Full PDB file with SEQRES, HELIX, SHEET, SSBOND, CRYST1, ORIGX, SCALE, CONECT and MASTER records, all heavy atoms in Angstrom:
SEQRES   1 A   42  LYS ASN THR VAL TYR LEU GLN MET ASN SER LEU ARG PRO          
SEQRES   2 A   42  GLU ASP THR ALA MET TYR TYR CYS ALA ALA ARG LEU THR          
SEQRES   3 A   42  TRP LEU GLY CYS SER MET ARG GLY PRO ASP TYR ASN TYR          
SEQRES   4 A   42  TRP GLY GLN                                                  
HELIX    1 AA1 PRO A   13  ASP A   15  5                                   3    
HELIX    2 AA2 GLY A   34  ASP A   36  5                                   3    
SHEET    1 AA1 2 ALA A  22  ALA A  23  0                                        
SHEET    2 AA1 2 TYR A  39  TRP A  40 -1                                        
CRYST1    1.000    1.000    1.000  90.00  90.00  90.00 P 1           1          
ORIGX1      1.000000  0.000000  0.000000        0.00000                         
ORIGX2      0.000000  1.000000  0.000000        0.00000                         
ORIGX3      0.000000  0.000000  1.000000        0.00000                         
SCALE1      1.000000  0.000000  0.000000        0.00000                         
SCALE2      0.000000  1.000000  0.000000        0.00000                         
SCALE3      0.000000  0.000000  1.000000        0.00000                         
ATOM      1  N   LYS A   1      -7.075 -11.601  11.254  1.00  0.00           N  
ATOM      2  CA  LYS A   1      -5.692 -11.917  10.903  1.00  0.00           C  
ATOM      3  C   LYS A   1      -4.799 -10.687  10.928  1.00  0.00           C  
ATOM      4  O   LYS A   1      -3.589 -10.814  10.741  1.00  0.00           O  
ATOM      5  CB  LYS A   1      -5.641 -12.561   9.519  1.00  0.00           C  
ATOM      6  CG  LYS A   1      -6.366 -13.886   9.410  1.00  0.00           C  
ATOM      7  CD  LYS A   1      -6.218 -14.470   8.014  1.00  0.00           C  
ATOM      8  CE  LYS A   1      -6.982 -15.770   7.880  1.00  0.00           C  
ATOM      9  NZ  LYS A   1      -6.435 -16.820   8.777  1.00  0.00           N  
ATOM     10  N   ASN A   2      -5.399  -9.508  11.133  1.00  0.00           N  
ATOM     11  CA  ASN A   2      -4.661  -8.253  11.084  1.00  0.00           C  
ATOM     12  C   ASN A   2      -3.835  -8.164   9.800  1.00  0.00           C  
ATOM     13  O   ASN A   2      -2.641  -7.851   9.817  1.00  0.00           O  
ATOM     14  CB  ASN A   2      -3.767  -8.088  12.314  1.00  0.00           C  
ATOM     15  CG  ASN A   2      -3.464  -6.625  12.607  1.00  0.00           C  
ATOM     16  OD1 ASN A   2      -4.325  -5.759  12.471  1.00  0.00           O  
ATOM     17  ND2 ASN A   2      -2.227  -6.341  13.007  1.00  0.00           N  
ATOM     18  N   THR A   3      -4.500  -8.428   8.705  1.00  0.00           N  
ATOM     19  CA  THR A   3      -3.852  -8.514   7.405  1.00  0.00           C  
ATOM     20  C   THR A   3      -4.611  -7.675   6.383  1.00  0.00           C  
ATOM     21  O   THR A   3      -5.839  -7.647   6.383  1.00  0.00           O  
ATOM     22  CB  THR A   3      -3.780  -9.972   6.932  1.00  0.00           C  
ATOM     23  OG1 THR A   3      -2.984 -10.728   7.853  1.00  0.00           O  
ATOM     24  CG2 THR A   3      -3.160 -10.078   5.551  1.00  0.00           C  
ATOM     25  N   VAL A   4      -3.865  -7.013   5.524  1.00  0.00           N  
ATOM     26  CA  VAL A   4      -4.419  -6.242   4.418  1.00  0.00           C  
ATOM     27  C   VAL A   4      -4.114  -6.967   3.116  1.00  0.00           C  
ATOM     28  O   VAL A   4      -3.017  -7.514   2.942  1.00  0.00           O  
ATOM     29  CB  VAL A   4      -3.832  -4.823   4.384  1.00  0.00           C  
ATOM     30  CG1 VAL A   4      -4.419  -4.023   3.229  1.00  0.00           C  
ATOM     31  CG2 VAL A   4      -4.101  -4.106   5.698  1.00  0.00           C  
ATOM     32  N   TYR A   5      -5.061  -6.948   2.195  1.00  0.00           N  
ATOM     33  CA  TYR A   5      -4.911  -7.640   0.927  1.00  0.00           C  
ATOM     34  C   TYR A   5      -5.057  -6.674  -0.235  1.00  0.00           C  
ATOM     35  O   TYR A   5      -5.723  -5.643  -0.138  1.00  0.00           O  
ATOM     36  CB  TYR A   5      -5.962  -8.740   0.775  1.00  0.00           C  
ATOM     37  CG  TYR A   5      -5.938  -9.768   1.876  1.00  0.00           C  
ATOM     38  CD1 TYR A   5      -6.800  -9.672   2.961  1.00  0.00           C  
ATOM     39  CD2 TYR A   5      -5.046 -10.829   1.836  1.00  0.00           C  
ATOM     40  CE1 TYR A   5      -6.776 -10.610   3.978  1.00  0.00           C  
ATOM     41  CE2 TYR A   5      -5.016 -11.769   2.849  1.00  0.00           C  
ATOM     42  CZ  TYR A   5      -5.884 -11.657   3.913  1.00  0.00           C  
ATOM     43  OH  TYR A   5      -5.856 -12.589   4.918  1.00  0.00           O  
ATOM     44  N   LEU A   6      -4.449  -7.032  -1.324  1.00  0.00           N  
ATOM     45  CA  LEU A   6      -4.657  -6.338  -2.581  1.00  0.00           C  
ATOM     46  C   LEU A   6      -4.917  -7.395  -3.649  1.00  0.00           C  
ATOM     47  O   LEU A   6      -3.993  -8.092  -4.071  1.00  0.00           O  
ATOM     48  CB  LEU A   6      -3.453  -5.475  -2.966  1.00  0.00           C  
ATOM     49  CG  LEU A   6      -3.640  -4.625  -4.222  1.00  0.00           C  
ATOM     50  CD1 LEU A   6      -4.670  -3.522  -3.969  1.00  0.00           C  
ATOM     51  CD2 LEU A   6      -2.315  -4.015  -4.673  1.00  0.00           C  
ATOM     52  N   GLN A   7      -6.167  -7.510  -4.046  1.00  0.00           N  
ATOM     53  CA  GLN A   7      -6.540  -8.414  -5.124  1.00  0.00           C  
ATOM     54  C   GLN A   7      -6.347  -7.693  -6.439  1.00  0.00           C  
ATOM     55  O   GLN A   7      -6.928  -6.632  -6.661  1.00  0.00           O  
ATOM     56  CB  GLN A   7      -7.993  -8.860  -4.977  1.00  0.00           C  
ATOM     57  CG  GLN A   7      -8.484  -9.779  -6.086  1.00  0.00           C  
ATOM     58  CD  GLN A   7      -7.809 -11.127  -6.070  1.00  0.00           C  
ATOM     59  OE1 GLN A   7      -7.687 -11.744  -5.015  1.00  0.00           O  
ATOM     60  NE2 GLN A   7      -7.355 -11.585  -7.230  1.00  0.00           N  
ATOM     61  N   MET A   8      -5.536  -8.250  -7.310  1.00  0.00           N  
ATOM     62  CA  MET A   8      -5.202  -7.625  -8.576  1.00  0.00           C  
ATOM     63  C   MET A   8      -5.694  -8.517  -9.709  1.00  0.00           C  
ATOM     64  O   MET A   8      -5.207  -9.637  -9.882  1.00  0.00           O  
ATOM     65  CB  MET A   8      -3.697  -7.396  -8.691  1.00  0.00           C  
ATOM     66  CG  MET A   8      -3.117  -6.593  -7.527  1.00  0.00           C  
ATOM     67  SD  MET A   8      -1.362  -6.209  -7.756  1.00  0.00           S  
ATOM     68  CE  MET A   8      -0.673  -7.871  -7.713  1.00  0.00           C  
ATOM     69  N   ASN A   9      -6.642  -8.016 -10.465  1.00  0.00           N  
ATOM     70  CA  ASN A   9      -7.198  -8.732 -11.603  1.00  0.00           C  
ATOM     71  C   ASN A   9      -6.876  -7.989 -12.896  1.00  0.00           C  
ATOM     72  O   ASN A   9      -6.526  -6.813 -12.886  1.00  0.00           O  
ATOM     73  CB  ASN A   9      -8.712  -8.877 -11.460  1.00  0.00           C  
ATOM     74  CG  ASN A   9      -9.120  -9.676 -10.240  1.00  0.00           C  
ATOM     75  OD1 ASN A   9      -8.432 -10.612  -9.836  1.00  0.00           O  
ATOM     76  ND2 ASN A   9     -10.263  -9.321  -9.660  1.00  0.00           N  
ATOM     77  N   SER A  10      -7.032  -8.691 -14.001  1.00  0.00           N  
ATOM     78  CA  SER A  10      -6.788  -8.096 -15.321  1.00  0.00           C  
ATOM     79  C   SER A  10      -5.454  -7.373 -15.369  1.00  0.00           C  
ATOM     80  O   SER A  10      -5.353  -6.234 -15.830  1.00  0.00           O  
ATOM     81  CB  SER A  10      -7.935  -7.143 -15.685  1.00  0.00           C  
ATOM     82  OG  SER A  10      -9.176  -7.818 -15.688  1.00  0.00           O  
ATOM     83  N   LEU A  11      -4.429  -8.037 -14.905  1.00  0.00           N  
ATOM     84  CA  LEU A  11      -3.115  -7.415 -14.813  1.00  0.00           C  
ATOM     85  C   LEU A  11      -2.564  -7.067 -16.188  1.00  0.00           C  
ATOM     86  O   LEU A  11      -2.777  -7.790 -17.163  1.00  0.00           O  
ATOM     87  CB  LEU A  11      -2.154  -8.327 -14.073  1.00  0.00           C  
ATOM     88  CG  LEU A  11      -2.349  -8.343 -12.552  1.00  0.00           C  
ATOM     89  CD1 LEU A  11      -1.679  -9.557 -11.935  1.00  0.00           C  
ATOM     90  CD2 LEU A  11      -1.809  -7.059 -11.937  1.00  0.00           C  
ATOM     91  N   ARG A  12      -1.853  -5.971 -16.221  1.00  0.00           N  
ATOM     92  CA  ARG A  12      -1.250  -5.453 -17.440  1.00  0.00           C  
ATOM     93  C   ARG A  12       0.258  -5.343 -17.255  1.00  0.00           C  
ATOM     94  O   ARG A  12       0.733  -5.214 -16.136  1.00  0.00           O  
ATOM     95  CB  ARG A  12      -1.816  -4.068 -17.764  1.00  0.00           C  
ATOM     96  CG  ARG A  12      -3.330  -4.014 -17.872  1.00  0.00           C  
ATOM     97  CD  ARG A  12      -3.813  -2.579 -17.836  1.00  0.00           C  
ATOM     98  NE  ARG A  12      -5.265  -2.489 -17.937  1.00  0.00           N  
ATOM     99  CZ  ARG A  12      -5.956  -1.387 -17.715  1.00  0.00           C  
ATOM    100  NH1 ARG A  12      -5.335  -0.257 -17.379  1.00  0.00           N  
ATOM    101  NH2 ARG A  12      -7.281  -1.396 -17.828  1.00  0.00           N  
ATOM    102  N   PRO A  13       1.015  -5.364 -18.340  1.00  0.00           N  
ATOM    103  CA  PRO A  13       2.463  -5.212 -18.200  1.00  0.00           C  
ATOM    104  C   PRO A  13       2.871  -3.958 -17.443  1.00  0.00           C  
ATOM    105  O   PRO A  13       3.874  -3.982 -16.718  1.00  0.00           O  
ATOM    106  CB  PRO A  13       2.947  -5.178 -19.654  1.00  0.00           C  
ATOM    107  CG  PRO A  13       1.951  -6.008 -20.383  1.00  0.00           C  
ATOM    108  CD  PRO A  13       0.632  -5.697 -19.724  1.00  0.00           C  
ATOM    109  N   GLU A  14       2.124  -2.888 -17.583  1.00  0.00           N  
ATOM    110  CA  GLU A  14       2.455  -1.661 -16.874  1.00  0.00           C  
ATOM    111  C   GLU A  14       2.225  -1.749 -15.370  1.00  0.00           C  
ATOM    112  O   GLU A  14       2.601  -0.835 -14.635  1.00  0.00           O  
ATOM    113  CB  GLU A  14       1.683  -0.464 -17.451  1.00  0.00           C  
ATOM    114  CG  GLU A  14       0.180  -0.667 -17.505  1.00  0.00           C  
ATOM    115  CD  GLU A  14      -0.308  -1.121 -18.872  1.00  0.00           C  
ATOM    116  OE1 GLU A  14       0.368  -1.964 -19.501  1.00  0.00           O  
ATOM    117  OE2 GLU A  14      -1.361  -0.631 -19.322  1.00  0.00           O  
ATOM    118  N   ASP A  15       1.611  -2.825 -14.899  1.00  0.00           N  
ATOM    119  CA  ASP A  15       1.482  -3.059 -13.469  1.00  0.00           C  
ATOM    120  C   ASP A  15       2.754  -3.638 -12.860  1.00  0.00           C  
ATOM    121  O   ASP A  15       2.836  -3.771 -11.635  1.00  0.00           O  
ATOM    122  CB  ASP A  15       0.316  -4.002 -13.179  1.00  0.00           C  
ATOM    123  CG  ASP A  15      -1.027  -3.408 -13.554  1.00  0.00           C  
ATOM    124  OD1 ASP A  15      -1.246  -2.207 -13.294  1.00  0.00           O  
ATOM    125  OD2 ASP A  15      -1.870  -4.155 -14.099  1.00  0.00           O  
ATOM    126  N   THR A  16       3.701  -4.001 -13.681  1.00  0.00           N  
ATOM    127  CA  THR A  16       4.951  -4.568 -13.199  1.00  0.00           C  
ATOM    128  C   THR A  16       5.668  -3.577 -12.293  1.00  0.00           C  
ATOM    129  O   THR A  16       5.941  -2.445 -12.684  1.00  0.00           O  
ATOM    130  CB  THR A  16       5.859  -4.954 -14.368  1.00  0.00           C  
ATOM    131  OG1 THR A  16       5.232  -5.994 -15.127  1.00  0.00           O  
ATOM    132  CG2 THR A  16       7.210  -5.450 -13.878  1.00  0.00           C  
ATOM    133  N   ALA A  17       5.966  -4.000 -11.075  1.00  0.00           N  
ATOM    134  CA  ALA A  17       6.599  -3.125 -10.094  1.00  0.00           C  
ATOM    135  C   ALA A  17       6.854  -3.912  -8.815  1.00  0.00           C  
ATOM    136  O   ALA A  17       6.370  -5.028  -8.641  1.00  0.00           O  
ATOM    137  CB  ALA A  17       5.710  -1.916  -9.779  1.00  0.00           C  
ATOM    138  N   MET A  18       7.618  -3.289  -7.931  1.00  0.00           N  
ATOM    139  CA  MET A  18       7.698  -3.768  -6.565  1.00  0.00           C  
ATOM    140  C   MET A  18       6.535  -3.151  -5.805  1.00  0.00           C  
ATOM    141  O   MET A  18       6.345  -1.929  -5.845  1.00  0.00           O  
ATOM    142  CB  MET A  18       9.025  -3.375  -5.935  1.00  0.00           C  
ATOM    143  CG  MET A  18       9.240  -3.947  -4.542  1.00  0.00           C  
ATOM    144  SD  MET A  18       9.604  -5.727  -4.559  1.00  0.00           S  
ATOM    145  CE  MET A  18      11.298  -5.700  -5.165  1.00  0.00           C  
ATOM    146  N   TYR A  19       5.774  -3.972  -5.130  1.00  0.00           N  
ATOM    147  CA  TYR A  19       4.613  -3.511  -4.391  1.00  0.00           C  
ATOM    148  C   TYR A  19       4.913  -3.493  -2.903  1.00  0.00           C  
ATOM    149  O   TYR A  19       5.412  -4.476  -2.348  1.00  0.00           O  
ATOM    150  CB  TYR A  19       3.405  -4.401  -4.677  1.00  0.00           C  
ATOM    151  CG  TYR A  19       2.776  -4.114  -6.018  1.00  0.00           C  
ATOM    152  CD1 TYR A  19       3.414  -4.473  -7.192  1.00  0.00           C  
ATOM    153  CD2 TYR A  19       1.545  -3.462  -6.100  1.00  0.00           C  
ATOM    154  CE1 TYR A  19       2.851  -4.192  -8.424  1.00  0.00           C  
ATOM    155  CE2 TYR A  19       0.974  -3.178  -7.330  1.00  0.00           C  
ATOM    156  CZ  TYR A  19       1.631  -3.545  -8.488  1.00  0.00           C  
ATOM    157  OH  TYR A  19       1.057  -3.270  -9.711  1.00  0.00           O  
ATOM    158  N   TYR A  20       4.576  -2.384  -2.258  1.00  0.00           N  
ATOM    159  CA  TYR A  20       4.867  -2.177  -0.853  1.00  0.00           C  
ATOM    160  C   TYR A  20       3.597  -1.942  -0.059  1.00  0.00           C  
ATOM    161  O   TYR A  20       2.701  -1.216  -0.497  1.00  0.00           O  
ATOM    162  CB  TYR A  20       5.774  -0.962  -0.651  1.00  0.00           C  
ATOM    163  CG  TYR A  20       7.125  -1.075  -1.306  1.00  0.00           C  
ATOM    164  CD1 TYR A  20       7.328  -0.628  -2.601  1.00  0.00           C  
ATOM    165  CD2 TYR A  20       8.198  -1.618  -0.608  1.00  0.00           C  
ATOM    166  CE1 TYR A  20       8.569  -0.723  -3.199  1.00  0.00           C  
ATOM    167  CE2 TYR A  20       9.444  -1.715  -1.202  1.00  0.00           C  
ATOM    168  CZ  TYR A  20       9.625  -1.265  -2.492  1.00  0.00           C  
ATOM    169  OH  TYR A  20      10.862  -1.358  -3.077  1.00  0.00           O  
ATOM    170  N   CYS A  21       3.547  -2.519   1.108  1.00  0.00           N  
ATOM    171  CA  CYS A  21       2.514  -2.234   2.086  1.00  0.00           C  
ATOM    172  C   CYS A  21       3.011  -1.134   3.007  1.00  0.00           C  
ATOM    173  O   CYS A  21       4.190  -1.109   3.367  1.00  0.00           O  
ATOM    174  CB  CYS A  21       2.204  -3.504   2.878  1.00  0.00           C  
ATOM    175  SG  CYS A  21       0.971  -3.315   4.183  1.00  0.00           S  
ATOM    176  N   ALA A  22       2.133  -0.223   3.390  1.00  0.00           N  
ATOM    177  CA  ALA A  22       2.509   0.882   4.258  1.00  0.00           C  
ATOM    178  C   ALA A  22       1.428   1.139   5.290  1.00  0.00           C  
ATOM    179  O   ALA A  22       0.247   0.863   5.058  1.00  0.00           O  
ATOM    180  CB  ALA A  22       2.756   2.147   3.435  1.00  0.00           C  
ATOM    181  N   ALA A  23       1.837   1.681   6.429  1.00  0.00           N  
ATOM    182  CA  ALA A  23       0.920   1.982   7.517  1.00  0.00           C  
ATOM    183  C   ALA A  23       1.137   3.390   8.030  1.00  0.00           C  
ATOM    184  O   ALA A  23       2.274   3.840   8.186  1.00  0.00           O  
ATOM    185  CB  ALA A  23       1.093   0.983   8.663  1.00  0.00           C  
ATOM    186  N   ARG A  24       0.038   4.072   8.284  1.00  0.00           N  
ATOM    187  CA  ARG A  24       0.047   5.353   8.969  1.00  0.00           C  
ATOM    188  C   ARG A  24      -0.664   5.145  10.290  1.00  0.00           C  
ATOM    189  O   ARG A  24      -1.773   4.607  10.313  1.00  0.00           O  
ATOM    190  CB  ARG A  24      -0.666   6.423   8.145  1.00  0.00           C  
ATOM    191  CG  ARG A  24      -0.787   7.778   8.838  1.00  0.00           C  
ATOM    192  CD  ARG A  24      -1.495   8.793   7.933  1.00  0.00           C  
ATOM    193  NE  ARG A  24      -1.787  10.038   8.629  1.00  0.00           N  
ATOM    194  CZ  ARG A  24      -0.934  11.041   8.765  1.00  0.00           C  
ATOM    195  NH1 ARG A  24       0.289  10.953   8.249  1.00  0.00           N  
ATOM    196  NH2 ARG A  24      -1.289  12.143   9.414  1.00  0.00           N  
ATOM    197  N   LEU A  25      -0.057   5.589  11.377  1.00  0.00           N  
ATOM    198  CA  LEU A  25      -0.569   5.281  12.700  1.00  0.00           C  
ATOM    199  C   LEU A  25      -1.635   6.269  13.155  1.00  0.00           C  
ATOM    200  O   LEU A  25      -1.513   6.901  14.199  1.00  0.00           O  
ATOM    201  CB  LEU A  25       0.573   5.214  13.708  1.00  0.00           C  
ATOM    202  CG  LEU A  25       1.630   4.156  13.434  1.00  0.00           C  
ATOM    203  CD1 LEU A  25       2.668   4.148  14.537  1.00  0.00           C  
ATOM    204  CD2 LEU A  25       0.989   2.781  13.281  1.00  0.00           C  
ATOM    205  N   THR A  26      -2.658   6.400  12.402  1.00  0.00           N  
ATOM    206  CA  THR A  26      -3.930   7.059  12.681  1.00  0.00           C  
ATOM    207  C   THR A  26      -4.763   6.943  11.418  1.00  0.00           C  
ATOM    208  O   THR A  26      -4.223   6.680  10.338  1.00  0.00           O  
ATOM    209  CB  THR A  26      -3.837   8.561  13.042  1.00  0.00           C  
ATOM    210  OG1 THR A  26      -3.528   9.333  11.867  1.00  0.00           O  
ATOM    211  CG2 THR A  26      -2.767   8.826  14.098  1.00  0.00           C  
ATOM    212  N   TRP A  27      -6.050   7.154  11.537  1.00  0.00           N  
ATOM    213  CA  TRP A  27      -6.884   7.219  10.357  1.00  0.00           C  
ATOM    214  C   TRP A  27      -6.946   8.638   9.788  1.00  0.00           C  
ATOM    215  O   TRP A  27      -7.353   8.830   8.633  1.00  0.00           O  
ATOM    216  CB  TRP A  27      -8.295   6.721  10.659  1.00  0.00           C  
ATOM    217  CG  TRP A  27      -9.033   7.576  11.648  1.00  0.00           C  
ATOM    218  CD1 TRP A  27      -9.826   8.656  11.378  1.00  0.00           C  
ATOM    219  CD2 TRP A  27      -9.044   7.413  13.068  1.00  0.00           C  
ATOM    220  NE1 TRP A  27     -10.328   9.184  12.545  1.00  0.00           N  
ATOM    221  CE2 TRP A  27      -9.870   8.436  13.599  1.00  0.00           C  
ATOM    222  CE3 TRP A  27      -8.450   6.513  13.945  1.00  0.00           C  
ATOM    223  CZ2 TRP A  27     -10.099   8.576  14.966  1.00  0.00           C  
ATOM    224  CZ3 TRP A  27      -8.679   6.645  15.314  1.00  0.00           C  
ATOM    225  CH2 TRP A  27      -9.497   7.665  15.806  1.00  0.00           C  
ATOM    226  N   LEU A  28      -6.570   9.618  10.585  1.00  0.00           N  
ATOM    227  CA  LEU A  28      -6.562  10.998  10.120  1.00  0.00           C  
ATOM    228  C   LEU A  28      -5.420  11.205   9.141  1.00  0.00           C  
ATOM    229  O   LEU A  28      -4.308  10.725   9.345  1.00  0.00           O  
ATOM    230  CB  LEU A  28      -6.422  11.953  11.296  1.00  0.00           C  
ATOM    231  CG  LEU A  28      -7.551  11.926  12.326  1.00  0.00           C  
ATOM    232  CD1 LEU A  28      -7.231  12.850  13.485  1.00  0.00           C  
ATOM    233  CD2 LEU A  28      -8.873  12.319  11.686  1.00  0.00           C  
ATOM    234  N   GLY A  29      -5.690  11.930   8.087  1.00  0.00           N  
ATOM    235  CA  GLY A  29      -4.671  12.188   7.093  1.00  0.00           C  
ATOM    236  C   GLY A  29      -4.316  11.002   6.226  1.00  0.00           C  
ATOM    237  O   GLY A  29      -3.244  11.000   5.606  1.00  0.00           O  
ATOM    238  N   CYS A  30      -5.175  10.017   6.183  1.00  0.00           N  
ATOM    239  CA  CYS A  30      -4.937   8.853   5.340  1.00  0.00           C  
ATOM    240  C   CYS A  30      -5.008   9.270   3.877  1.00  0.00           C  
ATOM    241  O   CYS A  30      -5.983   9.877   3.440  1.00  0.00           O  
ATOM    242  CB  CYS A  30      -5.970   7.774   5.639  1.00  0.00           C  
ATOM    243  SG  CYS A  30      -5.569   6.159   4.959  1.00  0.00           S  
ATOM    244  N   SER A  31      -3.977   8.936   3.135  1.00  0.00           N  
ATOM    245  CA  SER A  31      -3.830   9.500   1.803  1.00  0.00           C  
ATOM    246  C   SER A  31      -3.231   8.481   0.841  1.00  0.00           C  
ATOM    247  O   SER A  31      -2.999   7.319   1.183  1.00  0.00           O  
ATOM    248  CB  SER A  31      -2.931  10.742   1.853  1.00  0.00           C  
ATOM    249  OG  SER A  31      -1.581  10.365   2.035  1.00  0.00           O  
ATOM    250  N   MET A  32      -2.960   8.956  -0.367  1.00  0.00           N  
ATOM    251  CA  MET A  32      -2.250   8.192  -1.374  1.00  0.00           C  
ATOM    252  C   MET A  32      -0.819   8.688  -1.539  1.00  0.00           C  
ATOM    253  O   MET A  32      -0.163   8.393  -2.540  1.00  0.00           O  
ATOM    254  CB  MET A  32      -2.983   8.284  -2.713  1.00  0.00           C  
ATOM    255  CG  MET A  32      -4.401   7.728  -2.680  1.00  0.00           C  
ATOM    256  SD  MET A  32      -4.438   5.935  -2.797  1.00  0.00           S  
ATOM    257  CE  MET A  32      -4.173   5.732  -4.554  1.00  0.00           C  
ATOM    258  N   ARG A  33      -0.343   9.443  -0.553  1.00  0.00           N  
ATOM    259  CA  ARG A  33       0.993  10.018  -0.602  1.00  0.00           C  
ATOM    260  C   ARG A  33       1.937   9.248   0.306  1.00  0.00           C  
ATOM    261  O   ARG A  33       1.686   9.114   1.501  1.00  0.00           O  
ATOM    262  CB  ARG A  33       0.963  11.489  -0.173  1.00  0.00           C  
ATOM    263  CG  ARG A  33       0.116  12.374  -1.063  1.00  0.00           C  
ATOM    264  CD  ARG A  33       0.080  13.795  -0.531  1.00  0.00           C  
ATOM    265  NE  ARG A  33       1.403  14.404  -0.497  1.00  0.00           N  
ATOM    266  CZ  ARG A  33       2.098  14.627   0.619  1.00  0.00           C  
ATOM    267  NH1 ARG A  33       1.602  14.301   1.801  1.00  0.00           N  
ATOM    268  NH2 ARG A  33       3.294  15.197   0.550  1.00  0.00           N  
ATOM    269  N   GLY A  34       3.018   8.787  -0.245  1.00  0.00           N  
ATOM    270  CA  GLY A  34       3.989   8.037   0.524  1.00  0.00           C  
ATOM    271  C   GLY A  34       4.506   8.727   1.764  1.00  0.00           C  
ATOM    272  O   GLY A  34       4.643   8.091   2.816  1.00  0.00           O  
ATOM    273  N   PRO A  35       4.813  10.034   1.702  1.00  0.00           N  
ATOM    274  CA  PRO A  35       5.342  10.717   2.891  1.00  0.00           C  
ATOM    275  C   PRO A  35       4.393  10.748   4.079  1.00  0.00           C  
ATOM    276  O   PRO A  35       4.834  11.031   5.199  1.00  0.00           O  
ATOM    277  CB  PRO A  35       5.611  12.142   2.384  1.00  0.00           C  
ATOM    278  CG  PRO A  35       5.853  11.976   0.929  1.00  0.00           C  
ATOM    279  CD  PRO A  35       4.918  10.881   0.514  1.00  0.00           C  
ATOM    280  N   ASP A  36       3.126  10.462   3.873  1.00  0.00           N  
ATOM    281  CA  ASP A  36       2.171  10.464   4.967  1.00  0.00           C  
ATOM    282  C   ASP A  36       2.177   9.160   5.758  1.00  0.00           C  
ATOM    283  O   ASP A  36       1.481   9.060   6.769  1.00  0.00           O  
ATOM    284  CB  ASP A  36       0.764  10.728   4.445  1.00  0.00           C  
ATOM    285  CG  ASP A  36       0.574  12.153   3.970  1.00  0.00           C  
ATOM    286  OD1 ASP A  36       1.280  13.050   4.477  1.00  0.00           O  
ATOM    287  OD2 ASP A  36      -0.281  12.374   3.094  1.00  0.00           O  
ATOM    288  N   TYR A  37       2.951   8.194   5.342  1.00  0.00           N  
ATOM    289  CA  TYR A  37       2.988   6.900   5.998  1.00  0.00           C  
ATOM    290  C   TYR A  37       4.225   6.756   6.867  1.00  0.00           C  
ATOM    291  O   TYR A  37       5.290   7.303   6.554  1.00  0.00           O  
ATOM    292  CB  TYR A  37       2.908   5.771   4.976  1.00  0.00           C  
ATOM    293  CG  TYR A  37       1.537   5.668   4.361  1.00  0.00           C  
ATOM    294  CD1 TYR A  37       1.118   6.574   3.397  1.00  0.00           C  
ATOM    295  CD2 TYR A  37       0.644   4.677   4.770  1.00  0.00           C  
ATOM    296  CE1 TYR A  37      -0.158   6.504   2.858  1.00  0.00           C  
ATOM    297  CE2 TYR A  37      -0.626   4.601   4.228  1.00  0.00           C  
ATOM    298  CZ  TYR A  37      -1.021   5.517   3.273  1.00  0.00           C  
ATOM    299  OH  TYR A  37      -2.285   5.444   2.735  1.00  0.00           O  
ATOM    300  N   ASN A  38       4.078   6.018   7.940  1.00  0.00           N  
ATOM    301  CA  ASN A  38       5.128   5.891   8.939  1.00  0.00           C  
ATOM    302  C   ASN A  38       5.963   4.631   8.801  1.00  0.00           C  
ATOM    303  O   ASN A  38       7.149   4.635   9.136  1.00  0.00           O  
ATOM    304  CB  ASN A  38       4.514   5.912  10.342  1.00  0.00           C  
ATOM    305  CG  ASN A  38       3.633   7.115  10.605  1.00  0.00           C  
ATOM    306  OD1 ASN A  38       2.417   6.989  10.733  1.00  0.00           O  
ATOM    307  ND2 ASN A  38       4.253   8.287  10.671  1.00  0.00           N  
ATOM    308  N   TYR A  39       5.347   3.560   8.326  1.00  0.00           N  
ATOM    309  CA  TYR A  39       6.021   2.274   8.284  1.00  0.00           C  
ATOM    310  C   TYR A  39       5.800   1.608   6.945  1.00  0.00           C  
ATOM    311  O   TYR A  39       4.740   1.743   6.325  1.00  0.00           O  
ATOM    312  CB  TYR A  39       5.527   1.367   9.414  1.00  0.00           C  
ATOM    313  CG  TYR A  39       5.832   1.921  10.781  1.00  0.00           C  
ATOM    314  CD1 TYR A  39       4.879   2.649  11.485  1.00  0.00           C  
ATOM    315  CD2 TYR A  39       7.083   1.731  11.358  1.00  0.00           C  
ATOM    316  CE1 TYR A  39       5.163   3.177  12.732  1.00  0.00           C  
ATOM    317  CE2 TYR A  39       7.372   2.261  12.600  1.00  0.00           C  
ATOM    318  CZ  TYR A  39       6.416   2.976  13.280  1.00  0.00           C  
ATOM    319  OH  TYR A  39       6.707   3.504  14.518  1.00  0.00           O  
ATOM    320  N   TRP A  40       6.813   0.850   6.534  1.00  0.00           N  
ATOM    321  CA  TRP A  40       6.804   0.212   5.223  1.00  0.00           C  
ATOM    322  C   TRP A  40       7.295  -1.218   5.308  1.00  0.00           C  
ATOM    323  O   TRP A  40       8.192  -1.543   6.090  1.00  0.00           O  
ATOM    324  CB  TRP A  40       7.711   0.977   4.256  1.00  0.00           C  
ATOM    325  CG  TRP A  40       7.226   2.360   3.978  1.00  0.00           C  
ATOM    326  CD1 TRP A  40       7.428   3.462   4.743  1.00  0.00           C  
ATOM    327  CD2 TRP A  40       6.455   2.774   2.854  1.00  0.00           C  
ATOM    328  NE1 TRP A  40       6.827   4.556   4.172  1.00  0.00           N  
ATOM    329  CE2 TRP A  40       6.229   4.162   3.012  1.00  0.00           C  
ATOM    330  CE3 TRP A  40       5.945   2.119   1.734  1.00  0.00           C  
ATOM    331  CZ2 TRP A  40       5.496   4.894   2.078  1.00  0.00           C  
ATOM    332  CZ3 TRP A  40       5.221   2.843   0.804  1.00  0.00           C  
ATOM    333  CH2 TRP A  40       5.008   4.224   0.991  1.00  0.00           C  
ATOM    334  N   GLY A  41       6.701  -2.066   4.490  1.00  0.00           N  
ATOM    335  CA  GLY A  41       7.228  -3.397   4.318  1.00  0.00           C  
ATOM    336  C   GLY A  41       8.391  -3.392   3.350  1.00  0.00           C  
ATOM    337  O   GLY A  41       8.765  -2.359   2.785  1.00  0.00           O  
ATOM    338  N   GLN A  42       8.968  -4.549   3.145  1.00  0.00           N  
ATOM    339  CA  GLN A  42      10.136  -4.666   2.272  1.00  0.00           C  
ATOM    340  C   GLN A  42       9.775  -4.885   0.812  1.00  0.00           C  
ATOM    341  O   GLN A  42      10.656  -4.805  -0.048  1.00  0.00           O  
ATOM    342  CB  GLN A  42      11.041  -5.793   2.765  1.00  0.00           C  
ATOM    343  CG  GLN A  42      11.690  -5.482   4.103  1.00  0.00           C  
ATOM    344  CD  GLN A  42      12.643  -6.558   4.551  1.00  0.00           C  
ATOM    345  OE1 GLN A  42      12.271  -7.723   4.658  1.00  0.00           O  
ATOM    346  NE2 GLN A  42      13.888  -6.168   4.813  1.00  0.00           N  
TER     347      GLN A  42                                                      
MASTER        0    0    0    2    2    0    0    6  346    1    0    4          
END                                                                             
């Protein structure tokens, strides 16, 4: 399906946020840093 999922269990109030999907166009340098990503969902 070319789809990524995020299963969220045991949710807490502090999890409240806008959640964004992001893509970096290589596997190299894959990180948890936003500036390393090239494309973003809404």
